[in-house]
């Protein structure tokens, strides 16, 4: 997948775990916790959803450092989804 395709996957997964968030209207650098109000369980579910969508495992230590859509895309791309 290229970076644009990965961003679509991340936004789709975000919509599944946070239905109150409009993923199309979220800036790629918006902080999941501070700006979108996601809690630790939401972020865990996001990591699980991204794993299911891409096959890329996101260890908990790495997931804790992913703070926005752009971080997700970069991580997935760097770890073989791109």
PDB file of N, CA and C in Angstrom:
ATOM      1  N   UNK A   1       0.839  -1.190   0.000  1.00  0.00           N
ATOM      2  CA  UNK A   1       0.000   0.000   0.000  1.00  0.00           C
ATOM      3  C   UNK A   1       0.878   1.245   0.000  1.00  0.00           C
ATOM      4  N   UNK A   2       0.406   2.247  -0.700  1.00  0.00           N
ATOM      5  CA  UNK A   2       1.140   3.509  -0.652  1.00  0.00           C
ATOM      6  C   UNK A   2       0.621   4.350   0.519  1.00  0.00           C
ATOM      7  N   UNK A   3       1.238   5.489   0.732  1.00  0.00           N
ATOM      8  CA  UNK A   3       0.915   6.337   1.879  1.00  0.00           C
ATOM      9  C   UNK A   3      -0.549   6.785   1.839  1.00  0.00           C
ATOM     10  N   UNK A   4      -1.056   7.137   0.670  1.00  0.00           N
ATOM     11  CA  UNK A   4      -2.451   7.576   0.571  1.00  0.00           C
ATOM     12  C   UNK A   4      -3.412   6.444   0.918  1.00  0.00           C
ATOM     13  N   UNK A   5      -3.119   5.240   0.458  1.00  0.00           N
ATOM     14  CA  UNK A   5      -3.961   4.085   0.781  1.00  0.00           C
ATOM     15  C   UNK A   5      -3.911   3.781   2.281  1.00  0.00           C
ATOM     16  N   UNK A   6      -2.731   3.909   2.866  1.00  0.00           N
ATOM     17  CA  UNK A   6      -2.605   3.689   4.305  1.00  0.00           C
ATOM     18  C   UNK A   6      -3.424   4.705   5.093  1.00  0.00           C
ATOM     19  N   UNK A   7      -3.421   5.942   4.636  1.00  0.00           N
ATOM     20  CA  UNK A   7      -4.201   6.964   5.340  1.00  0.00           C
ATOM     21  C   UNK A   7      -5.692   6.631   5.283  1.00  0.00           C
ATOM     22  N   UNK A   8      -6.160   6.124   4.159  1.00  0.00           N
ATOM     23  CA  UNK A   8      -7.566   5.714   4.047  1.00  0.00           C
ATOM     24  C   UNK A   8      -7.869   4.596   5.048  1.00  0.00           C
ATOM     25  N   UNK A   9      -6.968   3.629   5.155  1.00  0.00           N
ATOM     26  CA  UNK A   9      -7.147   2.521   6.098  1.00  0.00           C
ATOM     27  C   UNK A   9      -7.179   3.044   7.529  1.00  0.00           C
ATOM     28  N   UNK A  10      -6.272   3.943   7.864  1.00  0.00           N
ATOM     29  CA  UNK A  10      -6.228   4.498   9.226  1.00  0.00           C
ATOM     30  C   UNK A  10      -7.513   5.260   9.527  1.00  0.00           C
ATOM     31  N   UNK A  11      -7.960   6.087   8.608  1.00  0.00           N
ATOM     32  CA  UNK A  11      -9.181   6.864   8.829  1.00  0.00           C
ATOM     33  C   UNK A  11     -10.410   5.955   8.946  1.00  0.00           C
ATOM     34  N   UNK A  12     -10.468   4.919   8.130  1.00  0.00           N
ATOM     35  CA  UNK A  12     -11.589   3.972   8.195  1.00  0.00           C
ATOM     36  C   UNK A  12     -11.590   3.242   9.550  1.00  0.00           C
ATOM     37  N   UNK A  13     -10.411   2.838   9.990  1.00  0.00           N
ATOM     38  CA  UNK A  13     -10.296   2.149  11.279  1.00  0.00           C
ATOM     39  C   UNK A  13     -10.650   3.091  12.422  1.00  0.00           C
ATOM     40  N   UNK A  14     -10.219   4.329  12.333  1.00  0.00           N
ATOM     41  CA  UNK A  14     -10.563   5.339  13.338  1.00  0.00           C
ATOM     42  C   UNK A  14     -12.078   5.500  13.425  1.00  0.00           C
ATOM     43  N   UNK A  15     -12.750   5.527  12.287  1.00  0.00           N
ATOM     44  CA  UNK A  15     -14.208   5.663  12.277  1.00  0.00           C
ATOM     45  C   UNK A  15     -14.888   4.477  12.954  1.00  0.00           C
ATOM     46  N   UNK A  16     -14.294   3.308  12.831  1.00  0.00           N
ATOM     47  CA  UNK A  16     -14.871   2.114  13.447  1.00  0.00           C
ATOM     48  C   UNK A  16     -14.746   2.124  14.973  1.00  0.00           C
ATOM     49  N   UNK A  17     -13.636   2.652  15.469  1.00  0.00           N
ATOM     50  CA  UNK A  17     -13.433   2.612  16.922  1.00  0.00           C
ATOM     51  C   UNK A  17     -13.912   3.886  17.626  1.00  0.00           C
ATOM     52  N   UNK A  18     -14.107   4.945  16.872  1.00  0.00           N
ATOM     53  CA  UNK A  18     -14.578   6.211  17.447  1.00  0.00           C
ATOM     54  C   UNK A  18     -15.667   6.789  16.540  1.00  0.00           C
ATOM     55  N   UNK A  19     -16.875   6.222  16.594  1.00  0.00           N
ATOM     56  CA  UNK A  19     -17.931   6.642  15.673  1.00  0.00           C
ATOM     57  C   UNK A  19     -18.349   8.104  15.811  1.00  0.00           C
ATOM     58  N   UNK A  20     -18.024   8.746  16.918  1.00  0.00           N
ATOM     59  CA  UNK A  20     -18.362  10.162  17.088  1.00  0.00           C
ATOM     60  C   UNK A  20     -17.387  11.084  16.359  1.00  0.00           C
ATOM     61  N   UNK A  21     -16.283  10.533  15.900  1.00  0.00           N
ATOM     62  CA  UNK A  21     -15.261  11.319  15.208  1.00  0.00           C
ATOM     63  C   UNK A  21     -15.490  11.211  13.698  1.00  0.00           C
ATOM     64  N   UNK A  22     -15.496  12.351  13.019  1.00  0.00           N
ATOM     65  CA  UNK A  22     -15.601  12.351  11.552  1.00  0.00           C
ATOM     66  C   UNK A  22     -14.188  12.238  11.005  1.00  0.00           C
ATOM     67  N   UNK A  23     -13.769  11.047  10.606  1.00  0.00           N
ATOM     68  CA  UNK A  23     -12.379  10.858  10.194  1.00  0.00           C
ATOM     69  C   UNK A  23     -11.981  11.688   8.981  1.00  0.00           C
ATOM     70  N   UNK A  24     -12.926  11.988   8.113  1.00  0.00           N
ATOM     71  CA  UNK A  24     -12.605  12.791   6.929  1.00  0.00           C
ATOM     72  C   UNK A  24     -12.272  14.234   7.314  1.00  0.00           C
ATOM     73  N   UNK A  25     -12.844  14.704   8.418  1.00  0.00           N
ATOM     74  CA  UNK A  25     -12.621  16.082   8.834  1.00  0.00           C
ATOM     75  C   UNK A  25     -11.479  16.269   9.815  1.00  0.00           C
ATOM     76  N   UNK A  26     -10.800  15.174  10.164  1.00  0.00           N
ATOM     77  CA  UNK A  26      -9.716  15.242  11.147  1.00  0.00           C
ATOM     78  C   UNK A  26      -8.392  15.543  10.444  1.00  0.00           C
ATOM     79  N   UNK A  27      -7.705  16.550  10.938  1.00  0.00           N
ATOM     80  CA  UNK A  27      -6.366  16.851  10.427  1.00  0.00           C
ATOM     81  C   UNK A  27      -5.460  15.675  10.762  1.00  0.00           C
ATOM     82  N   UNK A  28      -4.583  15.316   9.841  1.00  0.00           N
ATOM     83  CA  UNK A  28      -3.705  14.160  10.029  1.00  0.00           C
ATOM     84  C   UNK A  28      -2.782  14.314  11.232  1.00  0.00           C
ATOM     85  N   UNK A  29      -2.575  15.546  11.690  1.00  0.00           N
ATOM     86  CA  UNK A  29      -1.691  15.757  12.840  1.00  0.00           C
ATOM     87  C   UNK A  29      -2.464  16.006  14.139  1.00  0.00           C
ATOM     88  N   UNK A  30      -3.795  15.862  14.103  1.00  0.00           N
ATOM     89  CA  UNK A  30      -4.602  16.070  15.311  1.00  0.00           C
ATOM     90  C   UNK A  30      -4.293  14.972  16.332  1.00  0.00           C
ATOM     91  N   UNK A  31      -3.992  15.373  17.550  1.00  0.00           N
ATOM     92  CA  UNK A  31      -3.635  14.432  18.612  1.00  0.00           C
ATOM     93  C   UNK A  31      -4.848  13.585  18.999  1.00  0.00           C
ATOM     94  N   UNK A  32      -4.668  12.266  18.989  1.00  0.00           N
ATOM     95  CA  UNK A  32      -5.759  11.353  19.315  1.00  0.00           C
ATOM     96  C   UNK A  32      -6.344  11.630  20.692  1.00  0.00           C
ATOM     97  N   UNK A  33      -5.494  11.846  21.665  1.00  0.00           N
ATOM     98  CA  UNK A  33      -5.964  12.033  23.039  1.00  0.00           C
ATOM     99  C   UNK A  33      -6.480  13.454  23.264  1.00  0.00           C
ATOM    100  N   UNK A  34      -5.639  14.437  23.014  1.00  0.00           N
ATOM    101  CA  UNK A  34      -5.973  15.823  23.342  1.00  0.00           C
ATOM    102  C   UNK A  34      -7.052  16.421  22.454  1.00  0.00           C
ATOM    103  N   UNK A  35      -6.999  16.146  21.165  1.00  0.00           N
ATOM    104  CA  UNK A  35      -7.937  16.790  20.245  1.00  0.00           C
ATOM    105  C   UNK A  35      -9.147  15.924  19.895  1.00  0.00           C
ATOM    106  N   UNK A  36      -8.965  14.609  19.910  1.00  0.00           N
ATOM    107  CA  UNK A  36     -10.079  13.725  19.538  1.00  0.00           C
ATOM    108  C   UNK A  36     -10.724  13.045  20.737  1.00  0.00           C
ATOM    109  N   UNK A  37     -10.089  13.140  21.903  1.00  0.00           N
ATOM    110  CA  UNK A  37     -10.666  12.590  23.117  1.00  0.00           C
ATOM    111  C   UNK A  37     -10.635  11.074  23.218  1.00  0.00           C
ATOM    112  N   UNK A  38      -9.713  10.433  22.499  1.00  0.00           N
ATOM    113  CA  UNK A  38      -9.606   8.978  22.587  1.00  0.00           C
ATOM    114  C   UNK A  38      -8.890   8.591  23.877  1.00  0.00           C
ATOM    115  N   UNK A  39      -9.353   7.510  24.496  1.00  0.00           N
ATOM    116  CA  UNK A  39      -8.689   7.036  25.706  1.00  0.00           C
ATOM    117  C   UNK A  39      -7.787   5.847  25.359  1.00  0.00           C
ATOM    118  N   UNK A  40      -7.157   5.286  26.366  1.00  0.00           N
ATOM    119  CA  UNK A  40      -6.190   4.214  26.125  1.00  0.00           C
ATOM    120  C   UNK A  40      -6.852   2.981  25.504  1.00  0.00           C
ATOM    121  N   UNK A  41      -8.080   2.687  25.862  1.00  0.00           N
ATOM    122  CA  UNK A  41      -8.779   1.546  25.276  1.00  0.00           C
ATOM    123  C   UNK A  41      -9.079   1.805  23.799  1.00  0.00           C
ATOM    124  N   UNK A  42      -9.456   3.034  23.465  1.00  0.00           N
ATOM    125  CA  UNK A  42      -9.680   3.391  22.064  1.00  0.00           C
ATOM    126  C   UNK A  42      -8.400   3.193  21.254  1.00  0.00           C
ATOM    127  N   UNK A  43      -7.279   3.617  21.829  1.00  0.00           N
ATOM    128  CA  UNK A  43      -6.007   3.504  21.116  1.00  0.00           C
ATOM    129  C   UNK A  43      -5.586   2.050  20.955  1.00  0.00           C
ATOM    130  N   UNK A  44      -5.864   1.229  21.955  1.00  0.00           N
ATOM    131  CA  UNK A  44      -5.595  -0.196  21.833  1.00  0.00           C
ATOM    132  C   UNK A  44      -6.452  -0.800  20.723  1.00  0.00           C
ATOM    133  N   UNK A  45      -7.725  -0.440  20.699  1.00  0.00           N
ATOM    134  CA  UNK A  45      -8.614  -0.934  19.645  1.00  0.00           C
ATOM    135  C   UNK A  45      -8.186  -0.441  18.271  1.00  0.00           C
ATOM    136  N   UNK A  46      -7.650   0.773  18.197  1.00  0.00           N
ATOM    137  CA  UNK A  46      -7.133   1.279  16.931  1.00  0.00           C
ATOM    138  C   UNK A  46      -5.951   0.433  16.469  1.00  0.00           C
ATOM    139  N   UNK A  47      -5.036   0.135  17.374  1.00  0.00           N
ATOM    140  CA  UNK A  47      -3.875  -0.694  17.030  1.00  0.00           C
ATOM    141  C   UNK A  47      -4.321  -2.077  16.566  1.00  0.00           C
ATOM    142  N   UNK A  48      -5.302  -2.644  17.237  1.00  0.00           N
ATOM    143  CA  UNK A  48      -5.820  -3.966  16.852  1.00  0.00           C
ATOM    144  C   UNK A  48      -6.483  -3.888  15.477  1.00  0.00           C
ATOM    145  N   UNK A  49      -7.284  -2.861  15.265  1.00  0.00           N
ATOM    146  CA  UNK A  49      -7.949  -2.682  13.977  1.00  0.00           C
ATOM    147  C   UNK A  49      -6.969  -2.487  12.838  1.00  0.00           C
ATOM    148  N   UNK A  50      -5.907  -1.743  13.098  1.00  0.00           N
ATOM    149  CA  UNK A  50      -4.894  -1.533  12.070  1.00  0.00           C
ATOM    150  C   UNK A  50      -4.140  -2.827  11.780  1.00  0.00           C
ATOM    151  N   UNK A  51      -3.905  -3.613  12.814  1.00  0.00           N
ATOM    152  CA  UNK A  51      -3.271  -4.920  12.612  1.00  0.00           C
ATOM    153  C   UNK A  51      -4.160  -5.798  11.733  1.00  0.00           C
ATOM    154  N   UNK A  52      -5.448  -5.823  12.035  1.00  0.00           N
ATOM    155  CA  UNK A  52      -6.379  -6.632  11.245  1.00  0.00           C
ATOM    156  C   UNK A  52      -6.444  -6.158   9.791  1.00  0.00           C
ATOM    157  N   UNK A  53      -6.356  -4.851   9.576  1.00  0.00           N
ATOM    158  CA  UNK A  53      -6.467  -4.293   8.228  1.00  0.00           C
ATOM    159  C   UNK A  53      -5.182  -4.435   7.409  1.00  0.00           C
ATOM    160  N   UNK A  54      -4.038  -4.462   8.102  1.00  0.00           N
ATOM    161  CA  UNK A  54      -2.763  -4.439   7.372  1.00  0.00           C
ATOM    162  C   UNK A  54      -1.883  -5.660   7.610  1.00  0.00           C
ATOM    163  N   UNK A  55      -2.143  -6.389   8.694  1.00  0.00           N
ATOM    164  CA  UNK A  55      -1.282  -7.504   9.055  1.00  0.00           C
ATOM    165  C   UNK A  55      -0.031  -7.089   9.805  1.00  0.00           C
ATOM    166  N   UNK A  56       0.104  -5.806  10.076  1.00  0.00           N
ATOM    167  CA  UNK A  56       1.271  -5.282  10.792  1.00  0.00           C
ATOM    168  C   UNK A  56       0.963  -5.252  12.287  1.00  0.00           C
ATOM    169  N   UNK A  57       1.789  -5.919  13.059  1.00  0.00           N
ATOM    170  CA  UNK A  57       1.641  -5.911  14.508  1.00  0.00           C
ATOM    171  C   UNK A  57       2.181  -4.593  15.051  1.00  0.00           C
ATOM    172  N   UNK A  58       1.418  -3.971  15.934  1.00  0.00           N
ATOM    173  CA  UNK A  58       1.855  -2.734  16.579  1.00  0.00           C
ATOM    174  C   UNK A  58       1.984  -3.038  18.066  1.00  0.00           C
ATOM    175  N   UNK A  59       3.209  -3.319  18.534  1.00  0.00           N
ATOM    176  CA  UNK A  59       3.408  -3.618  19.957  1.00  0.00           C
ATOM    177  C   UNK A  59       2.948  -2.453  20.831  1.00  0.00           C
ATOM    178  N   UNK A  60       2.533  -2.774  22.042  1.00  0.00           N
ATOM    179  CA  UNK A  60       2.004  -1.763  22.954  1.00  0.00           C
ATOM    180  C   UNK A  60       2.978  -0.607  23.162  1.00  0.00           C
ATOM    181  N   UNK A  61       4.269  -0.911  23.253  1.00  0.00           N
ATOM    182  CA  UNK A  61       5.267   0.148  23.451  1.00  0.00           C
ATOM    183  C   UNK A  61       5.284   1.114  22.268  1.00  0.00           C
ATOM    184  N   UNK A  62       5.090   0.602  21.061  1.00  0.00           N
ATOM    185  CA  UNK A  62       5.036   1.468  19.877  1.00  0.00           C
ATOM    186  C   UNK A  62       3.702   2.202  19.800  1.00  0.00           C
ATOM    187  N   UNK A  63       2.619   1.505  20.112  1.00  0.00           N
ATOM    188  CA  UNK A  63       1.290   2.113  20.051  1.00  0.00           C
ATOM    189  C   UNK A  63       1.205   3.334  20.966  1.00  0.00           C
ATOM    190  N   UNK A  64       1.889   3.285  22.094  1.00  0.00           N
ATOM    191  CA  UNK A  64       1.865   4.403  23.041  1.00  0.00           C
ATOM    192  C   UNK A  64       2.505   5.662  22.463  1.00  0.00           C
ATOM    193  N   UNK A  65       3.356   5.494  21.461  1.00  0.00           N
ATOM    194  CA  UNK A  65       4.040   6.650  20.864  1.00  0.00           C
ATOM    195  C   UNK A  65       3.318   7.193  19.639  1.00  0.00           C
ATOM    196  N   UNK A  66       2.291   6.501  19.182  1.00  0.00           N
ATOM    197  CA  UNK A  66       1.535   6.944  18.008  1.00  0.00           C
ATOM    198  C   UNK A  66       0.449   7.894  18.495  1.00  0.00           C
ATOM    199  N   UNK A  67       0.534   9.140  18.056  1.00  0.00           N
ATOM    200  CA  UNK A  67      -0.348  10.173  18.593  1.00  0.00           C
ATOM    201  C   UNK A  67      -1.342  10.751  17.605  1.00  0.00           C
ATOM    202  N   UNK A  68      -1.214  10.414  16.320  1.00  0.00           N
ATOM    203  CA  UNK A  68      -2.097  11.013  15.325  1.00  0.00           C
ATOM    204  C   UNK A  68      -2.155  10.133  14.076  1.00  0.00           C
ATOM    205  N   UNK A  69      -3.004  10.499  13.151  1.00  0.00           N
ATOM    206  CA  UNK A  69      -3.148   9.751  11.904  1.00  0.00           C
ATOM    207  C   UNK A  69      -1.824   9.692  11.155  1.00  0.00           C
ATOM    208  N   UNK A  70      -1.127  10.817  11.080  1.00  0.00           N
ATOM    209  CA  UNK A  70       0.155  10.850  10.361  1.00  0.00           C
ATOM    210  C   UNK A  70       1.155   9.873  10.984  1.00  0.00           C
ATOM    211  N   UNK A  71       1.175   9.771  12.315  1.00  0.00           N
ATOM    212  CA  UNK A  71       2.059   8.812  12.988  1.00  0.00           C
ATOM    213  C   UNK A  71       1.701   7.385  12.600  1.00  0.00           C
ATOM    214  N   UNK A  72       0.404   7.086  12.555  1.00  0.00           N
ATOM    215  CA  UNK A  72      -0.043   5.733  12.167  1.00  0.00           C
ATOM    216  C   UNK A  72       0.437   5.399  10.762  1.00  0.00           C
ATOM    217  N   UNK A  73       0.224   6.318   9.846  1.00  0.00           N
ATOM    218  CA  UNK A  73       0.613   6.090   8.454  1.00  0.00           C
ATOM    219  C   UNK A  73       2.121   5.875   8.361  1.00  0.00           C
ATOM    220  N   UNK A  74       2.887   6.721   9.020  1.00  0.00           N
ATOM    221  CA  UNK A  74       4.350   6.585   8.996  1.00  0.00           C
ATOM    222  C   UNK A  74       4.796   5.255   9.577  1.00  0.00           C
ATOM    223  N   UNK A  75       4.199   4.873  10.700  1.00  0.00           N
ATOM    224  CA  UNK A  75       4.562   3.610  11.347  1.00  0.00           C
ATOM    225  C   UNK A  75       4.264   2.425  10.432  1.00  0.00           C
ATOM    226  N   UNK A  76       3.060   2.387   9.893  1.00  0.00           N
ATOM    227  CA  UNK A  76       2.671   1.271   9.027  1.00  0.00           C
ATOM    228  C   UNK A  76       3.544   1.215   7.780  1.00  0.00           C
ATOM    229  N   UNK A  77       3.837   2.362   7.213  1.00  0.00           N
ATOM    230  CA  UNK A  77       4.681   2.410   6.016  1.00  0.00           C
ATOM    231  C   UNK A  77       6.081   1.921   6.330  1.00  0.00           C
ATOM    232  N   UNK A  78       6.622   2.347   7.458  1.00  0.00           N
ATOM    233  CA  UNK A  78       7.988   1.959   7.846  1.00  0.00           C
ATOM    234  C   UNK A  78       8.099   0.476   8.221  1.00  0.00           C
ATOM    235  N   UNK A  79       6.978  -0.114   8.608  1.00  0.00           N
ATOM    236  CA  UNK A  79       7.014  -1.500   9.051  1.00  0.00           C
ATOM    237  C   UNK A  79       6.445  -2.478   8.027  1.00  0.00           C
ATOM    238  N   UNK A  80       6.415  -2.061   6.787  1.00  0.00           N
ATOM    239  CA  UNK A  80       6.127  -3.003   5.729  1.00  0.00           C
ATOM    240  C   UNK A  80       4.787  -2.935   5.049  1.00  0.00           C
ATOM    241  N   UNK A  81       3.908  -2.040   5.469  1.00  0.00           N
ATOM    242  CA  UNK A  81       2.608  -1.966   4.801  1.00  0.00           C
ATOM    243  C   UNK A  81       2.692  -1.154   3.524  1.00  0.00           C
ATOM    244  N   UNK A  82       3.784  -0.486   3.318  1.00  0.00           N
ATOM    245  CA  UNK A  82       3.903   0.354   2.127  1.00  0.00           C
ATOM    246  C   UNK A  82       4.853  -0.220   1.223  1.00  0.00           C
TER     247      UNK A  82
END
